[in-house]
Amino acid sequence: MALWAGLACYKAGQEDRYAGAGQNEWRTDSDILARQVGELLADKQVAGIALYRAGTVLSPEAGIQTEAVGKMTDALRTAV
């Protein structure tokens, strides 16, 4: 069975009200997606990565979302 991981790109730059003390992590840390990509691609049990939501990846909002998607894209390029 192949394991695919879904990354929540749409969370970049947003508050995560369900994250408790980490609710602002997605607002302040632009490298979350890049770190997730690195860890997932290093895991031999992960067959691939799905990016959610296409609009976020193709047309990120200004600021931290643009920075986060850029770092994630760089991490993907480096891995392949």
N, C-alpha and C. Protein backbone atom coordinates (compact mmCIF):
# COMPACT_ATOMS: atom_id res chain seq x y z
N MET A 1 0.84 -1.17 0.00
CA MET A 1 0.00 0.00 0.00
C MET A 1 0.89 1.24 0.00
N ALA A 2 0.60 2.18 -0.86
CA ALA A 2 1.36 3.42 -0.97
C ALA A 2 0.81 4.47 0.00
N LEU A 3 1.71 5.16 0.68
CA LEU A 3 1.32 6.22 1.60
C LEU A 3 1.61 7.57 0.96
N TRP A 4 0.57 8.37 0.80
CA TRP A 4 0.70 9.72 0.29
C TRP A 4 0.37 10.68 1.43
N ALA A 5 1.16 11.73 1.57
CA ALA A 5 0.94 12.72 2.63
C ALA A 5 0.36 13.99 2.01
N GLY A 6 -0.65 14.54 2.64
CA GLY A 6 -1.25 15.79 2.19
C GLY A 6 -0.73 16.95 3.01
N LEU A 7 -0.21 17.97 2.34
CA LEU A 7 0.29 19.16 3.03
C LEU A 7 -0.73 20.29 2.91
N ALA A 8 -0.97 20.95 4.02
CA ALA A 8 -1.97 22.01 4.09
C ALA A 8 -1.36 23.36 3.73
N CYS A 9 -1.06 23.55 2.46
CA CYS A 9 -0.44 24.80 2.01
C CYS A 9 -1.32 26.02 2.31
N TYR A 10 -2.61 25.81 2.31
CA TYR A 10 -3.56 26.90 2.55
C TYR A 10 -3.43 27.48 3.97
N LYS A 11 -2.77 26.77 4.87
CA LYS A 11 -2.62 27.26 6.24
C LYS A 11 -1.52 28.31 6.37
N ALA A 12 -0.62 28.39 5.40
CA ALA A 12 0.49 29.34 5.48
C ALA A 12 -0.05 30.77 5.61
N GLY A 13 0.41 31.47 6.61
CA GLY A 13 -0.01 32.84 6.84
C GLY A 13 -1.31 32.96 7.60
N GLN A 14 -1.91 31.85 7.99
CA GLN A 14 -3.21 31.86 8.65
C GLN A 14 -3.08 31.47 10.12
N GLU A 15 -4.03 31.90 10.93
CA GLU A 15 -4.11 31.45 12.32
C GLU A 15 -4.73 30.06 12.34
N ASP A 16 -4.20 29.19 13.18
CA ASP A 16 -4.75 27.85 13.35
C ASP A 16 -5.38 27.79 14.73
N ARG A 17 -6.65 28.11 14.81
CA ARG A 17 -7.31 28.23 16.11
C ARG A 17 -7.43 26.90 16.85
N TYR A 18 -7.17 25.79 16.17
CA TYR A 18 -7.24 24.48 16.81
C TYR A 18 -5.89 24.02 17.36
N ALA A 19 -4.85 24.81 17.18
CA ALA A 19 -3.49 24.40 17.54
C ALA A 19 -3.07 24.81 18.95
N GLY A 20 -3.97 25.32 19.73
CA GLY A 20 -3.63 25.70 21.10
C GLY A 20 -2.55 26.77 21.12
N ALA A 21 -1.47 26.48 21.85
CA ALA A 21 -0.39 27.45 22.00
C ALA A 21 0.32 27.74 20.68
N GLY A 22 0.19 26.85 19.71
CA GLY A 22 0.83 27.04 18.41
C GLY A 22 -0.05 27.69 17.38
N GLN A 23 -1.09 28.38 17.82
CA GLN A 23 -2.07 28.92 16.87
C GLN A 23 -1.49 29.93 15.87
N ASN A 24 -0.41 30.59 16.23
CA ASN A 24 0.19 31.58 15.31
C ASN A 24 1.39 31.05 14.55
N GLU A 25 1.70 29.77 14.74
CA GLU A 25 2.87 29.16 14.09
C GLU A 25 2.84 29.35 12.57
N TRP A 26 1.70 29.15 11.96
CA TRP A 26 1.60 29.28 10.50
C TRP A 26 1.71 30.73 10.06
N ARG A 27 1.51 31.67 10.96
CA ARG A 27 1.65 33.09 10.64
C ARG A 27 3.09 33.55 10.72
N THR A 28 3.87 32.92 11.60
CA THR A 28 5.22 33.42 11.88
C THR A 28 6.34 32.57 11.30
N ASP A 29 6.11 31.29 11.09
CA ASP A 29 7.16 30.39 10.60
C ASP A 29 6.94 30.07 9.12
N SER A 30 7.76 30.65 8.28
CA SER A 30 7.58 30.44 6.84
C SER A 30 8.22 29.15 6.34
N ASP A 31 8.87 28.40 7.23
CA ASP A 31 9.55 27.19 6.76
C ASP A 31 8.84 25.88 7.16
N ILE A 32 7.62 25.97 7.67
CA ILE A 32 6.89 24.76 8.09
C ILE A 32 6.71 23.81 6.92
N LEU A 33 6.23 24.29 5.80
CA LEU A 33 5.99 23.43 4.64
C LEU A 33 7.30 22.83 4.12
N ALA A 34 8.35 23.63 4.08
CA ALA A 34 9.64 23.13 3.59
C ALA A 34 10.16 22.03 4.50
N ARG A 35 10.02 22.20 5.83
CA ARG A 35 10.45 21.17 6.76
C ARG A 35 9.64 19.89 6.59
N GLN A 36 8.33 20.05 6.38
CA GLN A 36 7.48 18.88 6.18
C GLN A 36 7.89 18.13 4.91
N VAL A 37 8.15 18.86 3.85
CA VAL A 37 8.59 18.24 2.59
C VAL A 37 9.87 17.45 2.83
N GLY A 38 10.85 18.07 3.48
CA GLY A 38 12.13 17.40 3.74
C GLY A 38 11.96 16.12 4.54
N GLU A 39 11.15 16.17 5.58
CA GLU A 39 10.95 14.99 6.43
C GLU A 39 10.19 13.90 5.68
N LEU A 40 9.19 14.28 4.92
CA LEU A 40 8.39 13.28 4.19
C LEU A 40 9.19 12.61 3.08
N LEU A 41 9.96 13.39 2.34
CA LEU A 41 10.73 12.81 1.25
C LEU A 41 11.89 11.95 1.75
N ALA A 42 12.33 12.19 2.97
CA ALA A 42 13.38 11.36 3.55
C ALA A 42 12.85 10.02 4.06
N ASP A 43 11.55 9.94 4.23
CA ASP A 43 10.92 8.73 4.74
C ASP A 43 10.61 7.79 3.58
N LYS A 44 11.25 6.66 3.53
CA LYS A 44 11.09 5.71 2.42
C LYS A 44 9.69 5.11 2.35
N GLN A 45 8.90 5.25 3.41
CA GLN A 45 7.55 4.71 3.39
C GLN A 45 6.55 5.66 2.72
N VAL A 46 6.97 6.90 2.46
CA VAL A 46 6.09 7.89 1.82
C VAL A 46 6.28 7.82 0.31
N ALA A 47 5.19 7.53 -0.40
CA ALA A 47 5.24 7.40 -1.85
C ALA A 47 5.14 8.73 -2.57
N GLY A 48 4.53 9.71 -1.93
CA GLY A 48 4.37 11.01 -2.58
C GLY A 48 3.71 12.02 -1.67
N ILE A 49 3.59 13.23 -2.19
CA ILE A 49 3.04 14.35 -1.45
C ILE A 49 1.95 15.00 -2.29
N ALA A 50 0.83 15.32 -1.65
CA ALA A 50 -0.25 16.06 -2.30
C ALA A 50 -0.31 17.45 -1.65
N LEU A 51 -0.42 18.46 -2.47
CA LEU A 51 -0.45 19.84 -1.98
C LEU A 51 -1.88 20.36 -2.04
N TYR A 52 -2.36 20.85 -0.93
CA TYR A 52 -3.72 21.37 -0.85
C TYR A 52 -3.68 22.85 -0.54
N ARG A 53 -4.18 23.52 -1.15
CA ARG A 53 -5.10 23.93 -2.16
C ARG A 53 -4.31 24.49 -3.32
N ALA A 54 -4.70 24.14 -4.50
CA ALA A 54 -3.97 24.53 -5.71
C ALA A 54 -3.81 26.04 -5.82
N GLY A 55 -4.84 26.79 -5.47
CA GLY A 55 -4.78 28.25 -5.55
C GLY A 55 -3.68 28.83 -4.68
N THR A 56 -3.45 28.23 -3.53
CA THR A 56 -2.40 28.70 -2.63
C THR A 56 -1.02 28.48 -3.24
N VAL A 57 -0.85 27.35 -3.90
CA VAL A 57 0.45 27.03 -4.50
C VAL A 57 0.67 27.84 -5.77
N LEU A 58 -0.35 28.00 -6.58
CA LEU A 58 -0.20 28.69 -7.86
C LEU A 58 -0.26 30.21 -7.74
N SER A 59 -1.02 30.71 -6.78
CA SER A 59 -1.16 32.16 -6.59
C SER A 59 -1.19 32.50 -5.10
N PRO A 60 -0.07 32.36 -4.41
CA PRO A 60 -0.06 32.64 -2.97
C PRO A 60 -0.31 34.11 -2.69
N GLU A 61 -0.92 34.37 -1.53
CA GLU A 61 -1.12 35.75 -1.10
C GLU A 61 0.24 36.34 -0.74
N ALA A 62 0.30 37.65 -0.73
CA ALA A 62 1.56 38.33 -0.40
C ALA A 62 1.98 38.02 1.03
N GLY A 63 3.23 38.26 1.32
CA GLY A 63 3.73 38.10 2.68
C GLY A 63 4.22 36.70 2.97
N ILE A 64 3.90 36.23 4.16
CA ILE A 64 4.44 34.95 4.63
C ILE A 64 3.97 33.79 3.77
N GLN A 65 2.78 33.87 3.18
CA GLN A 65 2.30 32.77 2.35
C GLN A 65 3.19 32.63 1.11
N THR A 66 3.54 33.73 0.49
CA THR A 66 4.43 33.69 -0.66
C THR A 66 5.79 33.14 -0.26
N GLU A 67 6.30 33.57 0.87
CA GLU A 67 7.60 33.10 1.36
C GLU A 67 7.55 31.60 1.67
N ALA A 68 6.48 31.15 2.32
CA ALA A 68 6.34 29.74 2.69
C ALA A 68 6.24 28.85 1.47
N VAL A 69 5.45 29.25 0.49
CA VAL A 69 5.30 28.45 -0.74
C VAL A 69 6.61 28.44 -1.51
N GLY A 70 7.33 29.55 -1.51
CA GLY A 70 8.64 29.60 -2.17
C GLY A 70 9.64 28.65 -1.54
N LYS A 71 9.69 28.62 -0.22
CA LYS A 71 10.61 27.72 0.47
C LYS A 71 10.22 26.26 0.25
N MET A 72 8.91 25.99 0.23
CA MET A 72 8.44 24.63 -0.02
C MET A 72 8.83 24.19 -1.43
N THR A 73 8.64 25.08 -2.40
CA THR A 73 8.99 24.78 -3.78
C THR A 73 10.49 24.51 -3.91
N ASP A 74 11.31 25.31 -3.24
CA ASP A 74 12.76 25.08 -3.25
C ASP A 74 13.11 23.72 -2.66
N ALA A 75 12.43 23.34 -1.57
CA ALA A 75 12.69 22.05 -0.94
C ALA A 75 12.32 20.92 -1.89
N LEU A 76 11.23 21.07 -2.62
CA LEU A 76 10.82 20.05 -3.59
C LEU A 76 11.84 19.94 -4.73
N ARG A 77 12.31 21.08 -5.23
CA ARG A 77 13.31 21.08 -6.31
C ARG A 77 14.60 20.41 -5.87
N THR A 78 15.01 20.68 -4.66
CA THR A 78 16.25 20.11 -4.14
C THR A 78 16.14 18.59 -4.00
N ALA A 79 14.95 18.12 -3.69
CA ALA A 79 14.74 16.69 -3.43
C ALA A 79 14.69 15.84 -4.70
N VAL A 80 14.32 16.45 -5.81
CA VAL A 80 14.19 15.66 -7.04
C VAL A 80 15.33 15.83 -7.98
